C-alpha atoms as a PDB file:
ATOM      1  CA  MET A   1     102.063  96.675  16.656  1.00  0.00           C
ATOM      2  CA  GLY A   2     102.582  93.614  18.785  1.00  0.00           C
ATOM      3  CA  LEU A   3     101.173  95.367  21.845  1.00  0.00           C
ATOM      4  CA  ILE A   4      97.606  95.405  20.486  1.00  0.00           C
ATOM      5  CA  SER A   5      95.728  92.137  20.590  1.00  0.00           C
ATOM      6  CA  PRO A   6      93.071  91.311  17.991  1.00  0.00           C
ATOM      7  CA  LYS A   7      90.790  90.275  20.868  1.00  0.00           C
ATOM      8  CA  ASN A   8      88.082  92.606  22.078  1.00  0.00           C
ATOM      9  CA  GLU A   9      89.794  94.942  24.485  1.00  0.00           C
ATOM     10  CA  LEU A  10      90.817  98.476  25.263  1.00  0.00           C
ATOM     11  CA  ALA A  11      94.276  99.888  24.732  1.00  0.00           C
ATOM     12  CA  VAL A  12      96.107 103.114  25.499  1.00  0.00           C
ATOM     13  CA  LEU A  13      98.857 104.193  23.134  1.00  0.00           C
ATOM     14  CA  MET A  14     101.080 106.966  24.490  1.00  0.00           C
ATOM     15  CA  TYR A  15     103.186 109.128  22.218  1.00  0.00           C
ATOM     16  CA  HIS A  16     105.419 112.160  22.548  1.00  0.00           C
ATOM     17  CA  THR A  17     106.455 113.370  19.095  1.00  0.00           C
ATOM     18  CA  VAL A  18     105.470 112.339  15.593  1.00  0.00           C
ATOM     19  CA  GLY A  19     108.230 113.695  13.406  1.00  0.00           C
ATOM     20  CA  TYR A  20     111.810 113.320  12.342  1.00  0.00           C
ATOM     21  CA  GLN A  21     113.691 114.509  15.439  1.00  0.00           C
ATOM     22  CA  GLY A  22     114.999 111.038  16.197  1.00  0.00           C
ATOM     23  CA  GLY A  23     115.526 109.596  19.640  1.00  0.00           C
ATOM     24  CA  HIS A  24     113.351 107.387  21.790  1.00  0.00           C
ATOM     25  CA  LEU A  25     110.521 109.939  22.071  1.00  0.00           C
ATOM     26  CA  SER A  26     109.948 110.352  18.342  1.00  0.00           C
ATOM     27  CA  LEU A  27     107.938 108.244  15.921  1.00  0.00           C
ATOM     28  CA  LYS A  28     108.122 108.925  12.185  1.00  0.00           C
ATOM     29  CA  PRO A  29     104.834 110.062  10.639  1.00  0.00           C
ATOM     30  CA  GLU A  30     104.824 107.078   8.268  1.00  0.00           C
ATOM     31  CA  SER A  31     104.959 104.689  11.226  1.00  0.00           C
ATOM     32  CA  PHE A  32     102.227 106.590  13.042  1.00  0.00           C
ATOM     33  CA  GLU A  33     100.019 106.414   9.958  1.00  0.00           C
ATOM     34  CA  LYS A  34     100.624 102.656   9.667  1.00  0.00           C
ATOM     35  CA  GLN A  35      99.630 102.218  13.315  1.00  0.00           C
ATOM     36  CA  LEU A  36      96.386 104.141  12.836  1.00  0.00           C
ATOM     37  CA  ALA A  37      95.646 102.208   9.635  1.00  0.00           C
ATOM     38  CA  TYR A  38      96.127  98.938  11.518  1.00  0.00           C
ATOM     39  CA  LEU A  39      93.793 100.062  14.278  1.00  0.00           C
ATOM     40  CA  SER A  40      91.196 101.292  11.814  1.00  0.00           C
ATOM     41  CA  ASN A  41      91.405  98.143   9.662  1.00  0.00           C
ATOM     42  CA  ASN A  42      91.001  95.975  12.768  1.00  0.00           C
ATOM     43  CA  ASN A  43      87.851  97.770  13.914  1.00  0.00           C
ATOM     44  CA  TYR A  44      89.250  99.637  16.876  1.00  0.00           C
ATOM     45  CA  LYS A  45      87.168 102.616  17.898  1.00  0.00           C
ATOM     46  CA  PHE A  46      89.251 105.740  18.517  1.00  0.00           C
ATOM     47  CA  MET A  47      87.991 107.011  21.863  1.00  0.00           C
ATOM     48  CA  THR A  48      88.018 110.201  23.854  1.00  0.00           C
ATOM     49  CA  LEU A  49      89.137 109.956  27.464  1.00  0.00           C
ATOM     50  CA  ASN A  50      85.538 110.024  28.691  1.00  0.00           C
ATOM     51  CA  GLU A  51      84.516 107.292  26.248  1.00  0.00           C
ATOM     52  CA  PHE A  52      87.517 105.206  27.240  1.00  0.00           C
ATOM     53  CA  LEU A  53      86.779 105.446  30.955  1.00  0.00           C
ATOM     54  CA  ALA A  54      83.107 104.607  30.397  1.00  0.00           C
ATOM     55  CA  ALA A  55      83.983 101.649  28.166  1.00  0.00           C
ATOM     56  CA  LYS A  56      86.526 100.386  30.693  1.00  0.00           C
ATOM     57  CA  ASN A  57      83.727 100.017  33.206  1.00  0.00           C
ATOM     58  CA  TYR A  58      81.107  98.665  30.780  1.00  0.00           C
ATOM     59  CA  LEU A  59      83.033  96.901  28.019  1.00  0.00           C
ATOM     60  CA  ARG A  60      80.789  94.999  25.661  1.00  0.00           C
ATOM     61  CA  PRO A  61      82.207  91.754  24.198  1.00  0.00           C
ATOM     62  CA  GLU A  62      82.142  93.111  20.644  1.00  0.00           C
ATOM     63  CA  GLN A  63      83.857  96.385  21.505  1.00  0.00           C
ATOM     64  CA  LYS A  64      87.498  97.235  20.838  1.00  0.00           C
ATOM     65  CA  GLY A  65      88.738 100.686  21.639  1.00  0.00           C
ATOM     66  CA  VAL A  66      91.923 102.694  21.740  1.00  0.00           C
ATOM     67  CA  LEU A  67      92.869 105.929  23.457  1.00  0.00           C
ATOM     68  CA  LEU A  68      95.696 107.914  21.858  1.00  0.00           C
ATOM     69  CA  THR A  69      97.626 110.204  24.206  1.00  0.00           C
ATOM     70  CA  PHE A  70     100.443 112.637  23.510  1.00  0.00           C
ATOM     71  CA  ASP A  71     102.606 113.996  26.323  1.00  0.00           C
ATOM     72  CA  ASP A  72     104.212 117.424  26.574  1.00  0.00           C
ATOM     73  CA  GLY A  73     102.574 119.224  23.618  1.00  0.00           C
ATOM     74  CA  TYR A  74     105.301 119.171  21.005  1.00  0.00           C
ATOM     75  CA  LYS A  75     104.817 121.380  17.938  1.00  0.00           C
ATOM     76  CA  ASP A  76     104.945 118.491  15.488  1.00  0.00           C
ATOM     77  CA  PHE A  77     101.604 117.319  16.844  1.00  0.00           C
ATOM     78  CA  ILE A  78      99.991 120.054  14.716  1.00  0.00           C
ATOM     79  CA  THR A  79     102.160 119.625  11.636  1.00  0.00           C
ATOM     80  CA  GLU A  80     102.512 115.829  11.559  1.00  0.00           C
ATOM     81  CA  ALA A  81     100.129 113.984  13.905  1.00  0.00           C
ATOM     82  CA  LEU A  82      96.957 116.063  13.534  1.00  0.00           C
ATOM     83  CA  PRO A  83      96.595 115.584   9.746  1.00  0.00           C
ATOM     84  CA  ILE A  84      96.981 111.811  10.204  1.00  0.00           C
ATOM     85  CA  LEU A  85      94.478 111.779  13.061  1.00  0.00           C
ATOM     86  CA  LYS A  86      92.001 113.676  10.866  1.00  0.00           C
ATOM     87  CA  LYS A  87      92.533 111.211   8.003  1.00  0.00           C
ATOM     88  CA  PHE A  88      91.419 108.362  10.273  1.00  0.00           C
ATOM     89  CA  HIS A  89      88.771 110.391  12.152  1.00  0.00           C
ATOM     90  CA  ALA A  90      90.731 109.618  15.312  1.00  0.00           C
ATOM     91  CA  SER A  91      90.498 111.462  18.583  1.00  0.00           C
ATOM     92  CA  ALA A  92      93.412 112.086  20.914  1.00  0.00           C
ATOM     93  CA  VAL A  93      94.355 113.858  24.102  1.00  0.00           C
ATOM     94  CA  VAL A  94      97.403 116.106  24.463  1.00  0.00           C
ATOM     95  CA  PHE A  95      98.754 116.442  27.998  1.00  0.00           C
ATOM     96  CA  ALA A  96     100.540 119.792  28.129  1.00  0.00           C
ATOM     97  CA  HIS A  97     102.538 121.390  30.907  1.00  0.00           C
ATOM     98  CA  THR A  98     101.690 125.048  31.260  1.00  0.00           C
ATOM     99  CA  SER A  99     105.141 126.638  31.537  1.00  0.00           C
ATOM    100  CA  ARG A 100     105.781 125.591  27.897  1.00  0.00           C
ATOM    101  CA  SER A 101     109.474 125.313  28.841  1.00  0.00           C
ATOM    102  CA  LEU A 102     111.905 122.608  27.779  1.00  0.00           C
ATOM    103  CA  ASP A 103     113.797 122.876  31.096  1.00  0.00           C
ATOM    104  CA  ASN A 104     112.640 119.550  32.570  1.00  0.00           C
ATOM    105  CA  LEU A 105     112.165 117.631  29.318  1.00  0.00           C
ATOM    106  CA  GLY A 106     115.744 116.683  28.488  1.00  0.00           C
ATOM    107  CA  ASN A 107     115.457 117.557  24.789  1.00  0.00           C
ATOM    108  CA  ASN A 108     115.359 120.581  22.509  1.00  0.00           C
ATOM    109  CA  PHE A 109     112.240 119.708  20.481  1.00  0.00           C
ATOM    110  CA  SER A 110     109.880 122.585  19.722  1.00  0.00           C
ATOM    111  CA  LEU A 111     106.789 122.934  21.884  1.00  0.00           C
ATOM    112  CA  MET A 112     103.416 124.295  20.855  1.00  0.00           C
ATOM    113  CA  ASN A 113     102.597 127.778  22.064  1.00  0.00           C
ATOM    114  CA  TRP A 114      99.227 128.711  23.546  1.00  0.00           C
ATOM    115  CA  ASP A 115      97.805 129.872  20.210  1.00  0.00           C
ATOM    116  CA  GLU A 116      98.541 126.411  18.789  1.00  0.00           C
ATOM    117  CA  ILE A 117      97.058 124.680  21.834  1.00  0.00           C
ATOM    118  CA  ARG A 118      93.883 126.716  21.322  1.00  0.00           C
ATOM    119  CA  ILE A 119      93.822 125.474  17.694  1.00  0.00           C
ATOM    120  CA  LEU A 120      93.844 121.907  19.039  1.00  0.00           C
ATOM    121  CA  LYS A 121      90.914 122.689  21.277  1.00  0.00           C
ATOM    122  CA  GLN A 122      89.007 124.081  18.263  1.00  0.00           C
ATOM    123  CA  ALA A 123      89.913 120.941  16.267  1.00  0.00           C
ATOM    124  CA  GLY A 124      88.284 118.752  18.921  1.00  0.00           C
ATOM    125  CA  ILE A 125      91.515 117.466  20.451  1.00  0.00           C
ATOM    126  CA  GLU A 126      91.249 117.021  24.209  1.00  0.00           C
ATOM    127  CA  ILE A 127      93.696 118.958  26.370  1.00  0.00           C
ATOM    128  CA  GLY A 128      94.917 117.434  29.615  1.00  0.00           C
ATOM    129  CA  ASN A 129      97.009 118.794  32.469  1.00  0.00           C
ATOM    130  CA  HIS A 130     100.640 117.649  32.676  1.00  0.00           C
ATOM    131  CA  SER A 131     101.659 120.000  35.566  1.00  0.00           C
ATOM    132  CA  HIS A 132     103.181 123.460  35.326  1.00  0.00           C
ATOM    133  CA  THR A 133     106.936 122.821  34.960  1.00  0.00           C
ATOM    134  CA  HIS A 134     107.015 119.044  34.269  1.00  0.00           C
ATOM    135  CA  PRO A 135     109.032 118.217  37.408  1.00  0.00           C
ATOM    136  CA  ASN A 136     109.423 114.916  39.191  1.00  0.00           C
ATOM    137  CA  LEU A 137     106.379 115.497  41.380  1.00  0.00           C
ATOM    138  CA  LYS A 138     107.538 112.841  43.844  1.00  0.00           C
ATOM    139  CA  GLU A 139     110.470 115.074  44.820  1.00  0.00           C
ATOM    140  CA  LEU A 140     108.403 118.178  45.650  1.00  0.00           C
ATOM    141  CA  THR A 141     107.421 119.402  49.087  1.00  0.00           C
ATOM    142  CA  PRO A 142     103.670 119.650  49.791  1.00  0.00           C
ATOM    143  CA  GLU A 143     103.873 123.428  49.253  1.00  0.00           C
ATOM    144  CA  GLN A 144     105.699 123.042  45.927  1.00  0.00           C
ATOM    145  CA  LEU A 145     103.170 120.434  44.851  1.00  0.00           C
ATOM    146  CA  ARG A 146     100.246 122.731  45.672  1.00  0.00           C
ATOM    147  CA  ASP A 147     101.903 125.530  43.696  1.00  0.00           C
ATOM    148  CA  GLU A 148     102.563 123.230  40.739  1.00  0.00           C
ATOM    149  CA  PHE A 149      98.874 122.254  40.567  1.00  0.00           C
ATOM    150  CA  ARG A 150      97.515 125.737  41.358  1.00  0.00           C
ATOM    151  CA  ILE A 151      99.671 127.530  38.790  1.00  0.00           C
ATOM    152  CA  SER A 152      98.878 125.023  36.045  1.00  0.00           C
ATOM    153  CA  GLU A 153      95.144 125.354  36.739  1.00  0.00           C
ATOM    154  CA  GLU A 154      95.322 129.162  36.697  1.00  0.00           C
ATOM    155  CA  ILE A 155      97.184 129.185  33.383  1.00  0.00           C
ATOM    156  CA  PHE A 156      94.825 126.665  31.762  1.00  0.00           C
ATOM    157  CA  GLN A 157      91.842 128.743  32.884  1.00  0.00           C
ATOM    158  CA  LYS A 158      93.416 131.881  31.417  1.00  0.00           C
ATOM    159  CA  GLU A 159      94.683 130.345  28.168  1.00  0.00           C
ATOM    160  CA  ILE A 160      91.961 127.867  27.138  1.00  0.00           C
ATOM    161  CA  GLY A 161      89.064 128.924  29.316  1.00  0.00           C
ATOM    162  CA  TYR A 162      88.808 125.875  31.558  1.00  0.00           C
ATOM    163  CA  ILE A 163      90.796 123.583  33.840  1.00  0.00           C
ATOM    164  CA  PRO A 164      91.337 120.167  32.244  1.00  0.00           C
ATOM    165  CA  ARG A 165      89.593 117.341  34.044  1.00  0.00           C
ATOM    166  CA  PHE A 166      92.386 114.829  33.439  1.00  0.00           C
ATOM    167  CA  PHE A 167      96.001 114.848  34.615  1.00  0.00           C
ATOM    168  CA  ALA A 168      98.996 112.818  33.405  1.00  0.00           C
ATOM    169  CA  TYR A 169     101.945 112.507  35.774  1.00  0.00           C
ATOM    170  CA  PRO A 170     105.174 113.809  34.184  1.00  0.00           C
ATOM    171  CA  SER A 171     107.305 110.830  33.135  1.00  0.00           C
ATOM    172  CA  GLY A 172     104.676 108.566  34.726  1.00  0.00           C
ATOM    173  CA  ARG A 173     106.143 109.168  38.185  1.00  0.00           C
ATOM    174  CA  TYR A 174     103.473 109.013  40.843  1.00  0.00           C
ATOM    175  CA  SER A 175     102.760 107.757  44.320  1.00  0.00           C
ATOM    176  CA  GLN A 176      99.688 107.359  46.490  1.00  0.00           C
ATOM    177  CA  LYS A 177     100.636 110.657  48.147  1.00  0.00           C
ATOM    178  CA  LEU A 178     100.468 112.378  44.736  1.00  0.00           C
ATOM    179  CA  VAL A 179      97.141 110.770  43.892  1.00  0.00           C
ATOM    180  CA  GLU A 180      95.707 112.065  47.169  1.00  0.00           C
ATOM    181  CA  ALA A 181      97.222 115.534  46.692  1.00  0.00           C
ATOM    182  CA  LEU A 182      95.825 115.796  43.192  1.00  0.00           C
END
């Protein structure tokens, strides 16, 4: 965990899968548990997105905080990550794309279905928007971009009862044009 400093600061740790799939997107559950133990033992506060944003603006010298994010909504979040998060009383946010398709992900890992995403909501895990089809948003026309946002919002409203307040750009690809469009 060389990326986290023992100094008082805030950190964001971004994950995709916690399991045994292998590849650059996957972290073994034992490693994830060691990371959370380190954070807990070094007095990091596990924060929600709202807490993190508030703390970023008003960080007290004695405060250390960490935001845990998970992109795409892979199924092993429920089976592997969630029990470890509960063990450490840690919060997290899962950024899910609403099509629930692997088409633009470049892997064949299992994704959570909407029933499982609703379980996360009931377990207190934050749900964030990650677009509808997980495209490279920078390559879309303005009309395609509007559709991508509109469709994802409609599906979130239907499936979980609200439109997530926070959005994570698929693969971190963004531009000022996208920020303004969003």
